[in-house]
Amino acid sequence: MAGYPRSIRRAMSLPAVVGVTALALTACSGGGDDAGGDSGGGSEFSVLSVNENTTVSAVLEALAADQCATQNEAMPLAVENLPQAQLGQQLQLLAGQDALPMMFGADNPTLTKELAEAGQVLDLEGTGAADNFEPAAVATIENLYDGLWVLPTEFNIEGIWYNEQVFADNGVEVPATWDDLVAAAETLSAAGVQPFSASGEQGWPLTRLISGYLYRDLGPEALQAVVDGDAKLTDPEYVAGAQAVADLGAEGWFGQGVGSIDYDTALNTFLTGDAAMLYMGSWALSNFANPEQNQIGEDNIGFMPFPDVEGGSGSADQYPANVGLPFAVSAKATSDDAQAWLDCIAENYGTQALTEANQITGFTVNEEVEVGELTATVQEAIAATEQSVLWLEAPFSPQFQTVSTTNAAPLVTGGVTPEDFMSQLQAAIDAA
């Protein structure tokens, strides 16, 4: 998904925005031998994934050998991978041949919605499979895809990770409100501790703070109101979000040279104890569990949601979330054997992925799995979440993303005013 660091693309695939014409999607030129070219009524349960994501293939193959062995005997699993950069083009080709596989990577919401409108994607609403989706995953999928069109083979929430020992040493309580967060940063800075670590080079770790503030202040529909034309980012209440984050930077609380800090450096600054807090998604759990990288210890890391804004309309339990690389199901996967496979995946994928890859998904975990305390904390937060929100760039164009992430570091270092920052973003919206 757009706006994520290069170093985590293996787990979270980035969409290549591809346009699709209705003619290309509905044309039928027969089957073929292209990757994934099974029309959905064949003898194999065909899956088209990407080389950059090894987890899905591994989990499906493990299910085929165990929990879904009966289904695999009736309809053998056949997984094919290709470079992610080719996925959108290949799906368009297969759709035009009426030859989409049973399951296929669906990292591009625009393309997936167009395939769905052309009747080529199975609507999962009301199916037995959907009974095994976490409510937070359902909300996120519907936000991104305008319907329940994909399987949540991955699910991430975002928040603030903090160094518990540093907080304790400096008498800092876990902030519940934005004012508390600012007060905590003041205390830490006065004690010589860098409050926040963030990658200004990538920009999105800073813009996530802006959207977080807006959601807590204006409510979970804050960005949708802009999409619908009912509000503009130049409105005073939206500029206030950029101002709040700019104020953190004006205090120097992101450290020296934030504009040149890359993702890995920002992560390591936190994991070596040189910064007290890090805004990041749950995909970082694997980094936290790596003792060579994590010098402060996994037991010393706490997690908190983005804090409330006093008097605001949002709630701290509305986590920013994404579904990484989800998978759509062909509308032709309606045979008894195909449906049996789909039901088996929905019932068992969450448990298998957590057991085998320590990956949290949007599926219900239907068996007891022993996990670390941080993973359990994230699981509990997901289970308790009824509504999720998106990140700042998610509803808008690639040009919007470029303008946003490029100007994030100047915003917190004084090179761009909050008013100018939001004006440039609104201009990108108006030009789309």
Protein backbone atom coordinates (compact mmCIF):
# COMPACT_ATOMS: atom_id res chain seq x y z
CA MET A 1 0.00 0.00 0.00
CA ALA A 2 1.20 3.44 -0.77
CA GLY A 3 3.34 5.19 1.77
CA TYR A 4 5.17 2.26 3.37
CA PRO A 5 8.93 1.79 3.73
CA ARG A 6 10.94 -0.19 1.21
CA SER A 7 12.22 -2.48 3.94
CA ILE A 8 8.75 -3.85 4.73
CA ARG A 9 7.48 -4.37 1.20
CA ARG A 10 8.01 -8.08 1.52
CA ALA A 11 5.16 -8.18 3.97
CA MET A 12 3.16 -5.20 2.73
CA SER A 13 2.91 -4.87 -1.02
CA LEU A 14 2.77 -1.51 -2.76
CA PRO A 15 0.10 -0.96 -5.41
CA ALA A 16 1.03 0.00 -8.93
CA VAL A 17 -1.87 2.19 -9.92
CA VAL A 18 -3.20 0.77 -13.16
CA GLY A 19 -6.20 1.93 -15.16
CA VAL A 20 -8.60 -0.65 -16.51
CA THR A 21 -11.23 -0.24 -19.20
CA ALA A 22 -14.58 -1.96 -19.01
CA LEU A 23 -13.89 -3.48 -22.41
CA ALA A 24 -10.68 -5.09 -21.21
CA LEU A 25 -12.41 -6.53 -18.17
CA THR A 26 -15.41 -7.96 -19.93
CA ALA A 27 -13.83 -9.19 -23.14
CA CYS A 28 -13.58 -12.96 -23.43
CA SER A 29 -10.85 -14.32 -25.64
CA GLY A 30 -10.69 -17.78 -24.14
CA GLY A 31 -8.35 -19.27 -21.62
CA GLY A 32 -4.60 -19.30 -21.88
CA ASP A 33 -1.40 -20.47 -20.34
CA ASP A 34 -0.64 -17.17 -18.63
CA ALA A 35 0.24 -17.04 -14.95
CA GLY A 36 -2.81 -17.87 -12.87
CA GLY A 37 -4.91 -18.61 -15.93
CA ASP A 38 -7.56 -20.83 -14.40
CA SER A 39 -11.09 -19.63 -15.09
CA GLY A 40 -12.36 -20.69 -11.66
CA GLY A 41 -14.15 -23.80 -12.82
CA GLY A 42 -11.06 -25.93 -13.34
CA SER A 43 -9.64 -28.86 -11.44
CA GLU A 44 -7.12 -26.82 -9.42
CA PHE A 45 -7.54 -24.25 -6.69
CA SER A 46 -5.34 -21.71 -8.46
CA VAL A 47 -3.76 -18.80 -6.59
CA LEU A 48 -1.81 -15.91 -8.09
CA SER A 49 0.50 -14.17 -5.62
CA VAL A 50 3.69 -12.10 -5.83
CA ASN A 51 7.34 -12.93 -5.35
CA GLU A 52 7.75 -10.24 -2.71
CA ASN A 53 5.25 -11.89 -0.37
CA THR A 54 6.34 -15.36 0.69
CA THR A 55 3.96 -15.72 3.63
CA VAL A 56 0.73 -16.36 1.73
CA SER A 57 2.19 -19.19 -0.33
CA ALA A 58 3.76 -20.80 2.71
CA VAL A 59 0.58 -20.62 4.77
CA LEU A 60 -1.63 -21.97 1.99
CA GLU A 61 0.75 -24.84 1.35
CA ALA A 62 0.79 -25.66 5.06
CA LEU A 63 -3.02 -25.66 5.11
CA ALA A 64 -3.12 -27.92 2.04
CA ALA A 65 -0.96 -30.44 3.87
CA ASP A 66 -2.94 -30.34 7.11
CA GLN A 67 -6.21 -28.58 7.94
CA CYS A 68 -7.35 -28.37 4.30
CA ALA A 69 -5.97 -31.74 3.16
CA THR A 70 -9.43 -33.02 2.22
CA GLN A 71 -10.10 -29.93 0.13
CA ASN A 72 -6.67 -30.21 -1.45
CA GLU A 73 -7.29 -33.80 -2.43
CA ALA A 74 -10.55 -32.85 -4.15
CA MET A 75 -9.08 -29.73 -5.79
CA PRO A 76 -5.26 -29.50 -5.57
CA LEU A 77 -3.73 -26.17 -4.59
CA ALA A 78 -1.68 -24.52 -7.35
CA VAL A 79 0.15 -21.34 -6.31
CA GLU A 80 1.93 -19.20 -8.88
CA ASN A 81 4.01 -16.12 -8.11
CA LEU A 82 5.18 -13.27 -10.28
CA PRO A 83 6.94 -9.94 -9.68
CA GLN A 84 4.56 -7.54 -8.03
CA ALA A 85 5.24 -4.86 -10.61
CA GLN A 86 3.56 -7.17 -13.14
CA LEU A 87 0.52 -8.09 -11.03
CA GLY A 88 -1.88 -5.39 -12.21
CA GLN A 89 -1.09 -5.92 -15.86
CA GLN A 90 -1.41 -9.68 -15.52
CA LEU A 91 -4.77 -9.40 -13.80
CA GLN A 92 -6.06 -7.18 -16.58
CA LEU A 93 -4.89 -9.69 -19.16
CA LEU A 94 -6.49 -12.63 -17.38
CA ALA A 95 -9.71 -10.70 -16.79
CA GLY A 96 -9.92 -9.94 -20.49
CA GLN A 97 -9.54 -13.68 -21.18
CA ASP A 98 -12.17 -14.54 -18.57
CA ALA A 99 -9.41 -16.54 -16.91
CA LEU A 100 -8.82 -15.09 -13.45
CA PRO A 101 -7.53 -17.64 -10.93
CA MET A 102 -9.57 -18.73 -7.93
CA MET A 103 -7.64 -16.33 -5.67
CA PHE A 104 -5.40 -13.45 -6.65
CA GLY A 105 -3.46 -10.65 -5.00
CA ALA A 106 -5.55 -7.49 -4.83
CA ASP A 107 -3.21 -4.74 -3.68
CA ASN A 108 -4.78 -2.08 -5.90
CA PRO A 109 -8.25 -1.07 -4.65
CA THR A 110 -9.04 0.80 -7.87
CA LEU A 111 -8.35 -2.21 -10.06
CA THR A 112 -10.16 -4.57 -7.67
CA LYS A 113 -13.25 -2.37 -7.63
CA GLU A 114 -13.27 -2.23 -11.43
CA LEU A 115 -12.98 -6.01 -11.60
CA ALA A 116 -15.84 -6.26 -9.12
CA GLU A 117 -18.01 -3.87 -11.13
CA ALA A 118 -17.37 -6.08 -14.17
CA GLY A 119 -18.69 -9.08 -12.23
CA GLN A 120 -15.35 -10.85 -11.95
CA VAL A 121 -14.88 -10.77 -8.15
CA LEU A 122 -16.85 -12.74 -5.58
CA ASP A 123 -18.74 -10.58 -3.09
CA LEU A 124 -17.80 -12.02 0.31
CA GLU A 125 -20.57 -10.19 2.14
CA GLY A 126 -22.80 -12.72 3.87
CA THR A 127 -20.64 -15.72 3.01
CA GLY A 128 -19.46 -18.29 5.52
CA ALA A 129 -15.92 -17.04 4.97
CA ALA A 130 -16.85 -13.56 6.19
CA ASP A 131 -17.99 -15.05 9.50
CA ASN A 132 -14.28 -15.50 10.25
CA PHE A 133 -13.30 -11.87 9.59
CA GLU A 134 -12.45 -9.58 12.50
CA PRO A 135 -14.80 -6.54 12.61
CA ALA A 136 -11.85 -4.14 12.36
CA ALA A 137 -10.66 -5.90 9.20
CA VAL A 138 -14.15 -5.68 7.70
CA ALA A 139 -14.26 -1.94 8.39
CA THR A 140 -10.83 -1.41 6.83
CA ILE A 141 -11.64 -3.45 3.73
CA GLU A 142 -14.89 -1.57 3.23
CA ASN A 143 -13.06 1.76 3.64
CA LEU A 144 -10.51 0.84 0.98
CA TYR A 145 -12.53 -1.29 -1.42
CA ASP A 146 -16.10 0.04 -1.04
CA GLY A 147 -17.30 -3.45 -0.22
CA LEU A 148 -16.18 -6.81 1.12
CA TRP A 149 -14.21 -7.83 -1.95
CA VAL A 150 -11.01 -9.29 -0.44
CA LEU A 151 -9.72 -11.78 2.12
CA PRO A 152 -7.73 -10.13 4.95
CA THR A 153 -4.60 -12.28 4.70
CA GLU A 154 -2.76 -9.51 6.55
CA PHE A 155 -3.91 -6.84 8.99
CA ASN A 156 -1.94 -4.07 10.61
CA ILE A 157 -2.89 -1.36 13.06
CA GLU A 158 -0.80 1.69 13.86
CA GLY A 159 -0.04 3.56 17.04
CA ILE A 160 2.77 4.81 19.25
CA TRP A 161 5.34 2.41 20.67
CA TYR A 162 7.19 3.66 23.72
CA ASN A 163 10.16 2.75 25.91
CA GLU A 164 8.64 1.75 29.24
CA GLN A 165 11.89 2.12 31.19
CA VAL A 166 12.51 5.62 29.86
CA PHE A 167 8.97 6.60 30.78
CA ALA A 168 9.37 5.15 34.30
CA ASP A 169 12.79 6.77 34.85
CA ASN A 170 11.34 10.17 34.01
CA GLY A 171 8.00 9.83 35.77
CA VAL A 172 6.02 9.89 32.52
CA GLU A 173 2.58 8.28 32.42
CA VAL A 174 1.20 6.85 29.20
CA PRO A 175 -0.44 9.85 27.48
CA ALA A 176 -4.22 9.64 27.08
CA THR A 177 -4.65 12.98 25.30
CA TRP A 178 -2.66 15.08 22.86
CA ASP A 179 -1.96 17.58 25.63
CA ASP A 180 -0.60 14.71 27.73
CA LEU A 181 1.63 13.69 24.81
CA VAL A 182 3.01 17.20 24.50
CA ALA A 183 3.61 17.35 28.26
CA ALA A 184 5.40 14.00 28.16
CA ALA A 185 7.62 15.22 25.33
CA GLU A 186 8.47 18.37 27.31
CA THR A 187 9.47 16.27 30.34
CA LEU A 188 11.58 13.88 28.27
CA SER A 189 13.29 16.64 26.33
CA ALA A 190 14.14 18.51 29.53
CA ALA A 191 15.79 15.31 30.78
CA GLY A 192 17.92 15.07 27.64
CA VAL A 193 15.83 12.33 26.00
CA GLN A 194 14.72 12.66 22.36
CA PRO A 195 10.94 12.27 22.57
CA PHE A 196 10.17 10.95 19.05
CA SER A 197 11.92 9.03 16.31
CA ALA A 198 10.59 9.42 12.77
CA SER A 199 11.73 9.16 9.17
CA GLY A 200 11.46 12.54 7.53
CA GLU A 201 13.03 11.09 4.40
CA GLN A 202 9.96 8.92 3.84
CA GLY A 203 7.59 11.56 5.16
CA TRP A 204 4.64 9.29 5.95
CA PRO A 205 5.66 8.71 9.62
CA LEU A 206 5.11 12.45 10.07
CA THR A 207 1.94 12.78 8.01
CA ARG A 208 0.44 9.89 10.00
CA LEU A 209 0.56 12.21 13.01
CA ILE A 210 -1.45 14.81 11.12
CA SER A 211 -4.20 12.40 10.09
CA GLY A 212 -4.18 10.93 13.61
CA TYR A 213 -4.81 14.36 15.06
CA LEU A 214 -7.56 15.11 12.54
CA TYR A 215 -9.36 11.83 13.25
CA ARG A 216 -9.27 12.40 17.00
CA ASP A 217 -10.32 16.04 16.70
CA LEU A 218 -12.88 15.93 13.87
CA GLY A 219 -13.96 12.29 14.00
CA PRO A 220 -13.43 9.20 11.85
CA GLU A 221 -15.07 10.82 8.79
CA ALA A 222 -12.59 13.72 8.74
CA LEU A 223 -10.90 12.75 5.47
CA GLN A 224 -14.07 11.39 3.87
CA ALA A 225 -15.59 14.84 4.28
CA VAL A 226 -12.73 16.18 2.17
CA VAL A 227 -13.20 13.44 -0.43
CA ASP A 228 -16.92 14.25 -0.61
CA GLY A 229 -16.22 17.97 -1.03
CA ASP A 230 -17.89 18.87 2.25
CA ALA A 231 -14.64 20.22 3.69
CA LYS A 232 -11.23 21.38 2.50
CA LEU A 233 -7.82 20.78 4.01
CA THR A 234 -7.39 24.54 4.05
CA ASP A 235 -10.27 24.92 6.51
CA PRO A 236 -8.98 26.17 9.89
CA GLU A 237 -9.85 22.96 11.74
CA TYR A 238 -7.75 20.94 9.28
CA VAL A 239 -4.82 23.35 9.32
CA ALA A 240 -4.87 22.93 13.12
CA GLY A 241 -3.78 19.31 12.67
CA ALA A 242 -0.75 20.32 10.63
CA GLN A 243 -0.01 23.06 13.14
CA ALA A 244 -0.04 20.63 16.05
CA VAL A 245 2.56 18.41 14.38
CA ALA A 246 4.62 21.38 13.20
CA ASP A 247 4.76 22.53 16.83
CA LEU A 248 6.38 19.23 17.84
CA GLY A 249 9.06 19.81 15.23
CA ALA A 250 9.58 23.42 16.26
CA GLU A 251 10.60 22.13 19.69
CA GLY A 252 13.21 19.86 18.11
CA TRP A 253 11.46 16.77 19.45
CA PHE A 254 12.13 14.66 16.33
CA GLY A 255 15.88 15.07 16.75
CA GLN A 256 18.56 16.52 14.53
CA GLY A 257 18.33 16.19 10.75
CA VAL A 258 14.91 14.55 10.71
CA GLY A 259 14.59 15.26 6.99
CA SER A 260 17.47 12.92 6.17
CA ILE A 261 16.49 10.11 8.56
CA ASP A 262 15.45 6.97 6.68
CA TYR A 263 13.09 4.27 7.89
CA ASP A 264 15.71 1.87 9.23
CA THR A 265 17.55 4.62 11.08
CA ALA A 266 14.33 5.84 12.69
CA LEU A 267 13.47 2.32 13.79
CA ASN A 268 16.95 1.67 15.14
CA THR A 269 17.00 4.98 17.00
CA PHE A 270 14.05 3.72 19.01
CA LEU A 271 15.35 0.15 19.41
CA THR A 272 18.73 1.33 20.70
CA GLY A 273 17.11 3.52 23.34
CA ASP A 274 17.98 6.85 21.74
CA ALA A 275 14.35 7.97 21.44
CA ALA A 276 11.42 7.38 23.76
CA MET A 277 8.56 7.02 21.24
CA LEU A 278 8.00 5.75 17.71
CA TYR A 279 4.84 5.99 15.60
CA MET A 280 4.71 2.76 13.61
CA GLY A 281 2.46 -0.07 12.46
CA SER A 282 2.23 -3.57 13.88
CA TRP A 283 4.34 -4.85 10.99
CA ALA A 284 7.30 -3.79 13.15
CA LEU A 285 6.62 -6.67 15.56
CA SER A 286 9.15 -8.79 13.69
CA ASN A 287 11.80 -6.10 14.27
CA PHE A 288 10.90 -5.92 17.94
CA ALA A 289 11.27 -9.69 18.23
CA ASN A 290 14.79 -9.62 16.73
CA PRO A 291 17.26 -9.49 19.66
CA GLU A 292 20.08 -8.39 17.37
CA GLN A 293 18.12 -5.32 16.32
CA ASN A 294 16.18 -4.65 19.51
CA GLN A 295 18.69 -3.46 22.11
CA ILE A 296 16.10 -2.25 24.64
CA GLY A 297 14.35 -5.61 24.94
CA GLU A 298 10.92 -6.70 23.78
CA ASP A 299 9.61 -6.63 27.37
CA ASN A 300 10.54 -2.95 27.57
CA ILE A 301 8.28 -1.84 24.70
CA GLY A 302 4.74 -0.62 25.30
CA PHE A 303 2.02 0.24 22.80
CA MET A 304 -0.59 2.97 22.97
CA PRO A 305 -3.18 4.24 20.51
CA PHE A 306 -2.94 7.70 19.08
CA PRO A 307 -4.16 9.88 21.97
CA ASP A 308 -7.48 11.67 22.09
CA VAL A 309 -7.76 15.38 21.37
CA GLU A 310 -9.64 17.03 24.21
CA GLY A 311 -13.11 18.03 23.08
CA GLY A 312 -12.68 16.09 19.85
CA SER A 313 -15.19 13.81 18.11
CA GLY A 314 -12.88 10.85 17.59
CA SER A 315 -11.92 7.99 19.86
CA ALA A 316 -8.62 6.33 20.70
CA ASP A 317 -10.03 2.92 19.81
CA GLN A 318 -10.39 3.95 16.15
CA TYR A 319 -7.02 2.65 14.96
CA PRO A 320 -5.44 3.52 11.62
CA ALA A 321 -5.34 0.18 9.81
CA ASN A 322 -4.48 -1.51 6.52
CA VAL A 323 -4.74 -4.98 5.05
CA GLY A 324 -1.33 -5.20 3.36
CA LEU A 325 -1.63 -7.56 0.38
CA PRO A 326 -5.17 -9.00 0.54
CA PHE A 327 -6.59 -11.55 -1.90
CA ALA A 328 -9.73 -11.40 -4.00
CA VAL A 329 -11.71 -14.47 -5.05
CA SER A 330 -12.92 -15.07 -8.58
CA ALA A 331 -16.68 -14.76 -9.05
CA LYS A 332 -16.48 -18.13 -10.81
CA ALA A 333 -15.15 -19.90 -7.72
CA THR A 334 -18.62 -21.20 -6.95
CA SER A 335 -18.21 -24.96 -7.23
CA ASP A 336 -18.64 -27.02 -4.06
CA ASP A 337 -14.92 -27.83 -4.05
CA ALA A 338 -13.91 -24.19 -4.47
CA GLN A 339 -16.30 -23.06 -1.74
CA ALA A 340 -14.97 -25.76 0.58
CA TRP A 341 -11.45 -24.42 0.02
CA LEU A 342 -12.57 -20.87 0.71
CA ASP A 343 -14.32 -21.85 3.94
CA CYS A 344 -11.29 -23.83 5.10
CA ILE A 345 -8.95 -20.92 4.42
CA ALA A 346 -11.20 -18.49 6.30
CA GLU A 347 -11.44 -20.81 9.30
CA ASN A 348 -7.76 -21.73 9.58
CA TYR A 349 -5.60 -19.07 7.90
CA GLY A 350 -5.45 -16.73 10.90
CA THR A 351 -4.19 -19.46 13.23
CA GLN A 352 -1.70 -20.86 10.73
CA ALA A 353 -0.23 -17.47 9.79
CA LEU A 354 0.21 -16.54 13.44
CA THR A 355 1.78 -19.90 14.29
CA GLU A 356 4.06 -20.19 11.28
CA ALA A 357 4.97 -16.59 10.47
CA ASN A 358 3.99 -14.61 13.62
CA GLN A 359 1.80 -12.60 11.25
CA ILE A 360 -1.44 -11.04 12.41
CA THR A 361 -4.24 -11.24 9.87
CA GLY A 362 -7.81 -10.03 9.69
CA PHE A 363 -9.08 -13.58 10.16
CA THR A 364 -10.32 -14.84 13.50
CA VAL A 365 -7.76 -16.99 15.32
CA ASN A 366 -9.84 -20.04 16.15
CA GLU A 367 -7.24 -21.96 18.15
CA GLU A 368 -4.99 -21.15 21.08
CA VAL A 369 -1.62 -19.85 19.85
CA GLU A 370 1.20 -18.88 22.18
CA VAL A 371 2.49 -15.45 21.21
CA GLY A 372 4.64 -12.75 22.72
CA GLU A 373 3.18 -10.03 24.92
CA LEU A 374 3.41 -7.34 22.23
CA THR A 375 1.69 -9.52 19.64
CA ALA A 376 -1.02 -10.33 22.18
CA THR A 377 -1.47 -6.61 22.87
CA VAL A 378 -1.99 -5.91 19.18
CA GLN A 379 -4.39 -8.85 18.86
CA GLU A 380 -6.46 -7.54 21.76
CA ALA A 381 -6.58 -4.06 20.25
CA ILE A 382 -7.74 -5.48 16.90
CA ALA A 383 -10.38 -7.64 18.54
CA ALA A 384 -11.75 -4.65 20.45
CA THR A 385 -11.82 -2.36 17.41
CA GLU A 386 -15.20 -1.85 15.75
CA GLN A 387 -14.13 1.00 13.47
CA SER A 388 -10.81 1.72 11.79
CA VAL A 389 -9.54 4.75 9.91
CA LEU A 390 -7.16 5.31 7.00
CA TRP A 391 -3.93 7.26 6.75
CA LEU A 392 -3.65 10.78 5.33
CA GLU A 393 -2.74 9.83 1.76
CA ALA A 394 -5.00 6.78 1.39
CA PRO A 395 -8.14 8.40 -0.09
CA PHE A 396 -6.26 10.60 -2.53
CA SER A 397 -4.16 10.54 -5.69
CA PRO A 398 -0.51 9.51 -6.18
CA GLN A 399 0.28 13.20 -6.74
CA PHE A 400 -1.25 13.99 -3.35
CA GLN A 401 1.01 11.36 -1.77
CA THR A 402 4.09 12.86 -3.41
CA VAL A 403 3.26 16.37 -2.26
CA SER A 404 2.42 15.18 1.25
CA THR A 405 5.46 13.01 1.91
CA THR A 406 7.87 15.43 0.23
CA ASN A 407 6.75 18.37 2.35
CA ALA A 408 6.37 16.57 5.67
CA ALA A 409 9.94 17.13 6.82
CA PRO A 410 9.93 20.83 5.83
CA LEU A 411 6.70 21.18 7.83
CA VAL A 412 8.35 20.02 11.06
CA THR A 413 11.62 21.89 10.42
CA GLY A 414 10.04 25.25 9.61
CA GLY A 415 10.58 25.22 5.84
CA VAL A 416 6.85 25.09 5.09
CA THR A 417 4.09 26.65 7.15
CA PRO A 418 1.07 24.55 8.14
CA GLU A 419 -1.10 26.78 5.96
CA ASP A 420 1.15 26.29 2.92
CA PHE A 421 1.40 22.55 3.57
CA MET A 422 -2.36 22.08 3.61
CA SER A 423 -2.81 24.44 0.65
CA GLN A 424 -0.47 22.32 -1.45
CA LEU A 425 -2.36 19.17 -0.49
CA GLN A 426 -5.71 20.75 -1.34
CA ALA A 427 -4.30 21.90 -4.67
CA ALA A 428 -3.31 18.29 -5.43
CA ILE A 429 -6.88 17.20 -4.64
CA ASP A 430 -8.37 19.93 -6.83
CA ALA A 431 -6.06 18.99 -9.71
CA ALA A 432 -6.94 15.29 -9.64
